[in-house]
Amino acid sequence: MPDVAPDASVKGKPLMGTASDDLLREVAEQVADGLSQRGYAFVEDDKIEALTATLQAFLQAAGIPVNPSGRASSPPTDGADL
């Protein structure tokens, strides 16, 4: 058996299940809610996965770095602000 890491995608689609995937799905749900609240479009639950994949593809194509933990980080301080 070769020492090759398992492919993290199926037919080019990343597998869901990591914390960052869960976070991106939450964002997709918020986007869907926002579109609906403004009367622009109603995204049905069975289309959330497609919206999640679209958001992920956009971030990758645009070269926008992501924070996979989803936790806000504050810049380091030099102690002068204390």
PDB file of N, CA and C in Angstrom:
ATOM      1  N   MET A   1       0.841  -1.180   0.000  1.00  0.00           N
ATOM      2  CA  MET A   1       0.000   0.000   0.000  1.00  0.00           C
ATOM      3  C   MET A   1       0.888   1.246   0.000  1.00  0.00           C
ATOM      4  N   PRO A   2       0.691   2.186  -0.926  1.00  0.00           N
ATOM      5  CA  PRO A   2       1.542   3.370  -0.990  1.00  0.00           C
ATOM      6  C   PRO A   2       1.286   4.317   0.170  1.00  0.00           C
ATOM      7  N   ASP A   3       2.329   5.076   0.526  1.00  0.00           N
ATOM      8  CA  ASP A   3       2.222   6.080   1.575  1.00  0.00           C
ATOM      9  C   ASP A   3       1.672   7.369   0.983  1.00  0.00           C
ATOM     10  N   VAL A   4       0.422   7.374   0.662  1.00  0.00           N
ATOM     11  CA  VAL A   4      -0.220   8.541   0.070  1.00  0.00           C
ATOM     12  C   VAL A   4      -1.360   8.954   0.975  1.00  0.00           C
ATOM     13  N   ALA A   5      -1.443  10.257   1.252  1.00  0.00           N
ATOM     14  CA  ALA A   5      -2.535  10.754   2.076  1.00  0.00           C
ATOM     15  C   ALA A   5      -3.845  10.560   1.333  1.00  0.00           C
ATOM     16  N   PRO A   6      -4.913  10.218   2.036  1.00  0.00           N
ATOM     17  CA  PRO A   6      -6.188  10.047   1.357  1.00  0.00           C
ATOM     18  C   PRO A   6      -6.647  11.344   0.724  1.00  0.00           C
ATOM     19  N   ASP A   7      -7.303  11.210  -0.407  1.00  0.00           N
ATOM     20  CA  ASP A   7      -7.829  12.378  -1.103  1.00  0.00           C
ATOM     21  C   ASP A   7      -8.932  13.000  -0.265  1.00  0.00           C
ATOM     22  N   ALA A   8      -8.868  14.309  -0.073  1.00  0.00           N
ATOM     23  CA  ALA A   8      -9.853  15.009   0.747  1.00  0.00           C
ATOM     24  C   ALA A   8     -11.047  15.454  -0.072  1.00  0.00           C
ATOM     25  N   SER A   9     -11.202  14.909  -1.262  1.00  0.00           N
ATOM     26  CA  SER A   9     -12.340  15.309  -2.070  1.00  0.00           C
ATOM     27  C   SER A   9     -12.886  14.117  -2.837  1.00  0.00           C
ATOM     28  N   VAL A  10     -14.090  14.279  -3.273  1.00  0.00           N
ATOM     29  CA  VAL A  10     -14.726  13.286  -4.116  1.00  0.00           C
ATOM     30  C   VAL A  10     -15.153  14.003  -5.384  1.00  0.00           C
ATOM     31  N   LYS A  11     -14.569  13.613  -6.502  1.00  0.00           N
ATOM     32  CA  LYS A  11     -14.863  14.257  -7.782  1.00  0.00           C
ATOM     33  C   LYS A  11     -14.711  15.772  -7.682  1.00  0.00           C
ATOM     34  N   GLY A  12     -13.651  16.221  -7.003  1.00  0.00           N
ATOM     35  CA  GLY A  12     -13.369  17.644  -6.905  1.00  0.00           C
ATOM     36  C   GLY A  12     -14.133  18.374  -5.826  1.00  0.00           C
ATOM     37  N   LYS A  13     -15.032  17.692  -5.134  1.00  0.00           N
ATOM     38  CA  LYS A  13     -15.806  18.334  -4.073  1.00  0.00           C
ATOM     39  C   LYS A  13     -15.218  17.932  -2.734  1.00  0.00           C
ATOM     40  N   PRO A  14     -14.892  18.923  -1.876  1.00  0.00           N
ATOM     41  CA  PRO A  14     -14.345  18.576  -0.569  1.00  0.00           C
ATOM     42  C   PRO A  14     -15.360  17.817   0.273  1.00  0.00           C
ATOM     43  N   LEU A  15     -14.854  16.908   1.080  1.00  0.00           N
ATOM     44  CA  LEU A  15     -15.728  16.184   1.982  1.00  0.00           C
ATOM     45  C   LEU A  15     -16.149  17.097   3.122  1.00  0.00           C
ATOM     46  N   MET A  16     -17.388  17.005   3.543  1.00  0.00           N
ATOM     47  CA  MET A  16     -17.890  17.818   4.645  1.00  0.00           C
ATOM     48  C   MET A  16     -17.591  17.091   5.950  1.00  0.00           C
ATOM     49  N   GLY A  17     -17.606  17.823   7.045  1.00  0.00           N
ATOM     50  CA  GLY A  17     -17.437  17.180   8.329  1.00  0.00           C
ATOM     51  C   GLY A  17     -16.417  17.839   9.222  1.00  0.00           C
ATOM     52  N   THR A  18     -15.551  18.687   8.700  1.00  0.00           N
ATOM     53  CA  THR A  18     -14.580  19.359   9.553  1.00  0.00           C
ATOM     54  C   THR A  18     -15.219  20.582  10.188  1.00  0.00           C
ATOM     55  N   ALA A  19     -14.560  21.128  11.194  1.00  0.00           N
ATOM     56  CA  ALA A  19     -15.081  22.307  11.877  1.00  0.00           C
ATOM     57  C   ALA A  19     -15.242  23.469  10.909  1.00  0.00           C
ATOM     58  N   SER A  20     -14.292  23.653   9.992  1.00  0.00           N
ATOM     59  CA  SER A  20     -14.401  24.767   9.048  1.00  0.00           C
ATOM     60  C   SER A  20     -15.551  24.548   8.074  1.00  0.00           C
ATOM     61  N   ASP A  21     -15.830  23.282   7.722  1.00  0.00           N
ATOM     62  CA  ASP A  21     -16.977  22.992   6.862  1.00  0.00           C
ATOM     63  C   ASP A  21     -18.276  23.322   7.586  1.00  0.00           C
ATOM     64  N   ASP A  22     -18.338  22.983   8.867  1.00  0.00           N
ATOM     65  CA  ASP A  22     -19.528  23.298   9.658  1.00  0.00           C
ATOM     66  C   ASP A  22     -19.718  24.802   9.753  1.00  0.00           C
ATOM     67  N   LEU A  23     -18.621  25.535   9.936  1.00  0.00           N
ATOM     68  CA  LEU A  23     -18.692  26.987  10.025  1.00  0.00           C
ATOM     69  C   LEU A  23     -19.175  27.573   8.703  1.00  0.00           C
ATOM     70  N   LEU A  24     -18.647  27.077   7.592  1.00  0.00           N
ATOM     71  CA  LEU A  24     -19.052  27.594   6.293  1.00  0.00           C
ATOM     72  C   LEU A  24     -20.522  27.284   6.029  1.00  0.00           C
ATOM     73  N   ARG A  25     -20.991  26.140   6.488  1.00  0.00           N
ATOM     74  CA  ARG A  25     -22.416  25.823   6.337  1.00  0.00           C
ATOM     75  C   ARG A  25     -23.263  26.800   7.147  1.00  0.00           C
ATOM     76  N   GLU A  26     -22.823  27.149   8.354  1.00  0.00           N
ATOM     77  CA  GLU A  26     -23.553  28.134   9.158  1.00  0.00           C
ATOM     78  C   GLU A  26     -23.627  29.472   8.434  1.00  0.00           C
ATOM     79  N   VAL A  27     -22.523  29.867   7.813  1.00  0.00           N
ATOM     80  CA  VAL A  27     -22.497  31.122   7.059  1.00  0.00           C
ATOM     81  C   VAL A  27     -23.471  31.042   5.889  1.00  0.00           C
ATOM     82  N   ALA A  28     -23.484  29.903   5.193  1.00  0.00           N
ATOM     83  CA  ALA A  28     -24.406  29.719   4.072  1.00  0.00           C
ATOM     84  C   ALA A  28     -25.853  29.824   4.547  1.00  0.00           C
ATOM     85  N   GLU A  29     -26.147  29.257   5.701  1.00  0.00           N
ATOM     86  CA  GLU A  29     -27.495  29.358   6.254  1.00  0.00           C
ATOM     87  C   GLU A  29     -27.849  30.810   6.574  1.00  0.00           C
ATOM     88  N   GLN A  30     -26.870  31.579   7.086  1.00  0.00           N
ATOM     89  CA  GLN A  30     -27.108  32.989   7.377  1.00  0.00           C
ATOM     90  C   GLN A  30     -27.327  33.782   6.097  1.00  0.00           C
ATOM     91  N   VAL A  31     -26.572  33.455   5.051  1.00  0.00           N
ATOM     92  CA  VAL A  31     -26.762  34.117   3.755  1.00  0.00           C
ATOM     93  C   VAL A  31     -28.160  33.801   3.228  1.00  0.00           C
ATOM     94  N   ALA A  32     -28.552  32.542   3.298  1.00  0.00           N
ATOM     95  CA  ALA A  32     -29.883  32.145   2.833  1.00  0.00           C
ATOM     96  C   ALA A  32     -30.966  32.884   3.617  1.00  0.00           C
ATOM     97  N   ASP A  33     -30.805  32.984   4.935  1.00  0.00           N
ATOM     98  CA  ASP A  33     -31.771  33.712   5.761  1.00  0.00           C
ATOM     99  C   ASP A  33     -31.836  35.178   5.362  1.00  0.00           C
ATOM    100  N   GLY A  34     -30.680  35.784   5.128  1.00  0.00           N
ATOM    101  CA  GLY A  34     -30.636  37.192   4.730  1.00  0.00           C
ATOM    102  C   GLY A  34     -31.336  37.432   3.400  1.00  0.00           C
ATOM    103  N   LEU A  35     -31.113  36.548   2.438  1.00  0.00           N
ATOM    104  CA  LEU A  35     -31.776  36.680   1.135  1.00  0.00           C
ATOM    105  C   LEU A  35     -33.290  36.569   1.293  1.00  0.00           C
ATOM    106  N   SER A  36     -33.716  35.645   2.130  1.00  0.00           N
ATOM    107  CA  SER A  36     -35.141  35.439   2.359  1.00  0.00           C
ATOM    108  C   SER A  36     -35.766  36.623   3.097  1.00  0.00           C
ATOM    109  N   GLN A  37     -35.104  37.113   4.135  1.00  0.00           N
ATOM    110  CA  GLN A  37     -35.635  38.225   4.925  1.00  0.00           C
ATOM    111  C   GLN A  37     -35.824  39.487   4.097  1.00  0.00           C
ATOM    112  N   ARG A  38     -34.995  39.639   3.082  1.00  0.00           N
ATOM    113  CA  ARG A  38     -35.091  40.821   2.226  1.00  0.00           C
ATOM    114  C   ARG A  38     -36.000  40.590   1.022  1.00  0.00           C
ATOM    115  N   GLY A  39     -36.596  39.416   0.957  1.00  0.00           N
ATOM    116  CA  GLY A  39     -37.512  39.104  -0.123  1.00  0.00           C
ATOM    117  C   GLY A  39     -36.832  38.907  -1.469  1.00  0.00           C
ATOM    118  N   TYR A  40     -35.532  38.710  -1.452  1.00  0.00           N
ATOM    119  CA  TYR A  40     -34.790  38.579  -2.698  1.00  0.00           C
ATOM    120  C   TYR A  40     -34.888  37.174  -3.267  1.00  0.00           C
ATOM    121  N   ALA A  41     -34.681  36.174  -2.432  1.00  0.00           N
ATOM    122  CA  ALA A  41     -34.731  34.784  -2.882  1.00  0.00           C
ATOM    123  C   ALA A  41     -34.952  33.887  -1.674  1.00  0.00           C
ATOM    124  N   PHE A  42     -35.633  32.791  -1.894  1.00  0.00           N
ATOM    125  CA  PHE A  42     -35.810  31.797  -0.848  1.00  0.00           C
ATOM    126  C   PHE A  42     -34.975  30.587  -1.204  1.00  0.00           C
ATOM    127  N   VAL A  43     -33.997  30.280  -0.363  1.00  0.00           N
ATOM    128  CA  VAL A  43     -33.118  29.132  -0.578  1.00  0.00           C
ATOM    129  C   VAL A  43     -33.642  27.994   0.282  1.00  0.00           C
ATOM    130  N   GLU A  44     -34.131  26.956  -0.371  1.00  0.00           N
ATOM    131  CA  GLU A  44     -34.676  25.815   0.362  1.00  0.00           C
ATOM    132  C   GLU A  44     -33.549  25.035   1.029  1.00  0.00           C
ATOM    133  N   ASP A  45     -33.912  24.310   2.083  1.00  0.00           N
ATOM    134  CA  ASP A  45     -32.918  23.567   2.863  1.00  0.00           C
ATOM    135  C   ASP A  45     -32.082  22.616   2.014  1.00  0.00           C
ATOM    136  N   ASP A  46     -32.684  22.010   1.013  1.00  0.00           N
ATOM    137  CA  ASP A  46     -31.924  21.056   0.199  1.00  0.00           C
ATOM    138  C   ASP A  46     -30.940  21.742  -0.747  1.00  0.00           C
ATOM    139  N   LYS A  47     -30.928  23.074  -0.756  1.00  0.00           N
ATOM    140  CA  LYS A  47     -29.992  23.829  -1.600  1.00  0.00           C
ATOM    141  C   LYS A  47     -28.857  24.459  -0.791  1.00  0.00           C
ATOM    142  N   ILE A  48     -28.883  24.296   0.537  1.00  0.00           N
ATOM    143  CA  ILE A  48     -27.844  24.886   1.401  1.00  0.00           C
ATOM    144  C   ILE A  48     -26.471  24.312   1.086  1.00  0.00           C
ATOM    145  N   GLU A  49     -26.393  23.004   0.809  1.00  0.00           N
ATOM    146  CA  GLU A  49     -25.095  22.394   0.468  1.00  0.00           C
ATOM    147  C   GLU A  49     -24.511  23.050  -0.784  1.00  0.00           C
ATOM    148  N   ALA A  50     -25.348  23.333  -1.770  1.00  0.00           N
ATOM    149  CA  ALA A  50     -24.874  23.985  -2.998  1.00  0.00           C
ATOM    150  C   ALA A  50     -24.389  25.399  -2.702  1.00  0.00           C
ATOM    151  N   LEU A  51     -25.096  26.112  -1.833  1.00  0.00           N
ATOM    152  CA  LEU A  51     -24.667  27.460  -1.459  1.00  0.00           C
ATOM    153  C   LEU A  51     -23.354  27.402  -0.682  1.00  0.00           C
ATOM    154  N   THR A  52     -23.210  26.411   0.175  1.00  0.00           N
ATOM    155  CA  THR A  52     -21.962  26.217   0.918  1.00  0.00           C
ATOM    156  C   THR A  52     -20.803  25.982  -0.042  1.00  0.00           C
ATOM    157  N   ALA A  53     -21.002  25.112  -1.012  1.00  0.00           N
ATOM    158  CA  ALA A  53     -19.960  24.819  -2.002  1.00  0.00           C
ATOM    159  C   ALA A  53     -19.630  26.059  -2.830  1.00  0.00           C
ATOM    160  N   THR A  54     -20.644  26.850  -3.154  1.00  0.00           N
ATOM    161  CA  THR A  54     -20.426  28.079  -3.924  1.00  0.00           C
ATOM    162  C   THR A  54     -19.606  29.081  -3.125  1.00  0.00           C
ATOM    163  N   LEU A  55     -19.914  29.239  -1.850  1.00  0.00           N
ATOM    164  CA  LEU A  55     -19.143  30.153  -1.002  1.00  0.00           C
ATOM    165  C   LEU A  55     -17.701  29.685  -0.884  1.00  0.00           C
ATOM    166  N   GLN A  56     -17.518  28.378  -0.711  1.00  0.00           N
ATOM    167  CA  GLN A  56     -16.168  27.831  -0.600  1.00  0.00           C
ATOM    168  C   GLN A  56     -15.393  28.060  -1.897  1.00  0.00           C
ATOM    169  N   ALA A  57     -16.027  27.821  -3.025  1.00  0.00           N
ATOM    170  CA  ALA A  57     -15.373  28.015  -4.324  1.00  0.00           C
ATOM    171  C   ALA A  57     -15.030  29.485  -4.537  1.00  0.00           C
ATOM    172  N   PHE A  58     -15.919  30.378  -4.135  1.00  0.00           N
ATOM    173  CA  PHE A  58     -15.652  31.812  -4.267  1.00  0.00           C
ATOM    174  C   PHE A  58     -14.423  32.217  -3.453  1.00  0.00           C
ATOM    175  N   LEU A  59     -14.372  31.789  -2.204  1.00  0.00           N
ATOM    176  CA  LEU A  59     -13.240  32.140  -1.347  1.00  0.00           C
ATOM    177  C   LEU A  59     -11.928  31.630  -1.939  1.00  0.00           C
ATOM    178  N   GLN A  60     -11.943  30.407  -2.450  1.00  0.00           N
ATOM    179  CA  GLN A  60     -10.739  29.836  -3.051  1.00  0.00           C
ATOM    180  C   GLN A  60     -10.360  30.562  -4.327  1.00  0.00           C
ATOM    181  N   ALA A  61     -11.332  30.814  -5.209  1.00  0.00           N
ATOM    182  CA  ALA A  61     -11.054  31.463  -6.496  1.00  0.00           C
ATOM    183  C   ALA A  61     -10.570  32.895  -6.309  1.00  0.00           C
ATOM    184  N   ALA A  62     -11.108  33.575  -5.313  1.00  0.00           N
ATOM    185  CA  ALA A  62     -10.728  34.960  -5.061  1.00  0.00           C
ATOM    186  C   ALA A  62      -9.430  35.057  -4.267  1.00  0.00           C
ATOM    187  N   GLY A  63      -8.938  33.925  -3.776  1.00  0.00           N
ATOM    188  CA  GLY A  63      -7.703  33.932  -3.005  1.00  0.00           C
ATOM    189  C   GLY A  63      -7.865  34.574  -1.647  1.00  0.00           C
ATOM    190  N   ILE A  64      -9.068  34.488  -1.112  1.00  0.00           N
ATOM    191  CA  ILE A  64      -9.340  35.088   0.199  1.00  0.00           C
ATOM    192  C   ILE A  64      -8.957  34.075   1.277  1.00  0.00           C
ATOM    193  N   PRO A  65      -8.026  34.450   2.151  1.00  0.00           N
ATOM    194  CA  PRO A  65      -7.634  33.525   3.211  1.00  0.00           C
ATOM    195  C   PRO A  65      -8.772  33.352   4.214  1.00  0.00           C
ATOM    196  N   VAL A  66      -8.874  32.162   4.757  1.00  0.00           N
ATOM    197  CA  VAL A  66      -9.917  31.882   5.744  1.00  0.00           C
ATOM    198  C   VAL A  66      -9.278  31.460   7.058  1.00  0.00           C
ATOM    199  N   ASN A  67     -10.025  31.654   8.111  1.00  0.00           N
ATOM    200  CA  ASN A  67      -9.615  31.233   9.441  1.00  0.00           C
ATOM    201  C   ASN A  67     -10.395  29.961   9.743  1.00  0.00           C
ATOM    202  N   PRO A  68      -9.792  28.788   9.547  1.00  0.00           N
ATOM    203  CA  PRO A  68     -10.548  27.545   9.676  1.00  0.00           C
ATOM    204  C   PRO A  68     -11.148  27.298  11.052  1.00  0.00           C
ATOM    205  N   SER A  69     -10.616  27.920  12.087  1.00  0.00           N
ATOM    206  CA  SER A  69     -11.178  27.699  13.424  1.00  0.00           C
ATOM    207  C   SER A  69     -12.456  28.501  13.603  1.00  0.00           C
ATOM    208  N   GLY A  70     -12.609  29.572  12.835  1.00  0.00           N
ATOM    209  CA  GLY A  70     -13.796  30.402  12.965  1.00  0.00           C
ATOM    210  C   GLY A  70     -13.787  31.302  14.178  1.00  0.00           C
ATOM    211  N   ARG A  71     -12.707  31.255  14.952  1.00  0.00           N
ATOM    212  CA  ARG A  71     -12.614  32.100  16.142  1.00  0.00           C
ATOM    213  C   ARG A  71     -11.947  33.414  15.780  1.00  0.00           C
ATOM    214  N   ALA A  72     -12.521  34.493  16.288  1.00  0.00           N
ATOM    215  CA  ALA A  72     -11.906  35.797  16.062  1.00  0.00           C
ATOM    216  C   ALA A  72     -10.598  35.857  16.824  1.00  0.00           C
ATOM    217  N   SER A  73      -9.629  36.441  16.199  1.00  0.00           N
ATOM    218  CA  SER A  73      -8.346  36.605  16.886  1.00  0.00           C
ATOM    219  C   SER A  73      -8.037  38.086  16.972  1.00  0.00           C
ATOM    220  N   SER A  74      -7.437  38.461  18.044  1.00  0.00           N
ATOM    221  CA  SER A  74      -7.059  39.866  18.193  1.00  0.00           C
ATOM    222  C   SER A  74      -5.577  39.992  17.910  1.00  0.00           C
ATOM    223  N   PRO A  75      -5.195  41.139  17.374  1.00  0.00           N
ATOM    224  CA  PRO A  75      -3.769  41.315  17.069  1.00  0.00           C
ATOM    225  C   PRO A  75      -2.956  41.317  18.356  1.00  0.00           C
ATOM    226  N   PRO A  76      -1.723  40.872  18.286  1.00  0.00           N
ATOM    227  CA  PRO A  76      -0.894  40.867  19.484  1.00  0.00           C
ATOM    228  C   PRO A  76      -0.653  42.285  19.983  1.00  0.00           C
ATOM    229  N   THR A  77      -0.596  42.424  21.276  1.00  0.00           N
ATOM    230  CA  THR A  77      -0.332  43.742  21.857  1.00  0.00           C
ATOM    231  C   THR A  77       1.083  43.773  22.398  1.00  0.00           C
ATOM    232  N   ASP A  78       1.631  44.960  22.433  1.00  0.00           N
ATOM    233  CA  ASP A  78       2.988  45.107  22.960  1.00  0.00           C
ATOM    234  C   ASP A  78       2.973  45.551  24.431  1.00  0.00           C
ATOM    235  N   GLY A  79       1.774  45.572  25.001  1.00  0.00           N
ATOM    236  CA  GLY A  79       1.640  45.959  26.399  1.00  0.00           C
ATOM    237  C   GLY A  79       1.432  47.448  26.592  1.00  0.00           C
ATOM    238  N   ALA A  80       1.582  48.254  25.545  1.00  0.00           N
ATOM    239  CA  ALA A  80       1.433  49.699  25.660  1.00  0.00           C
ATOM    240  C   ALA A  80      -0.021  50.101  25.887  1.00  0.00           C
ATOM    241  N   ASP A  81      -0.968  49.242  25.482  1.00  0.00           N
ATOM    242  CA  ASP A  81      -2.373  49.583  25.623  1.00  0.00           C
ATOM    243  C   ASP A  81      -2.901  49.286  27.008  1.00  0.00           C
ATOM    244  N   LEU A  82      -2.113  48.667  27.848  1.00  0.00           N
ATOM    245  CA  LEU A  82      -2.591  48.280  29.179  1.00  0.00           C
ATOM    246  C   LEU A  82      -2.606  49.421  30.115  1.00  0.00           C
TER     247      LEU A  82
END
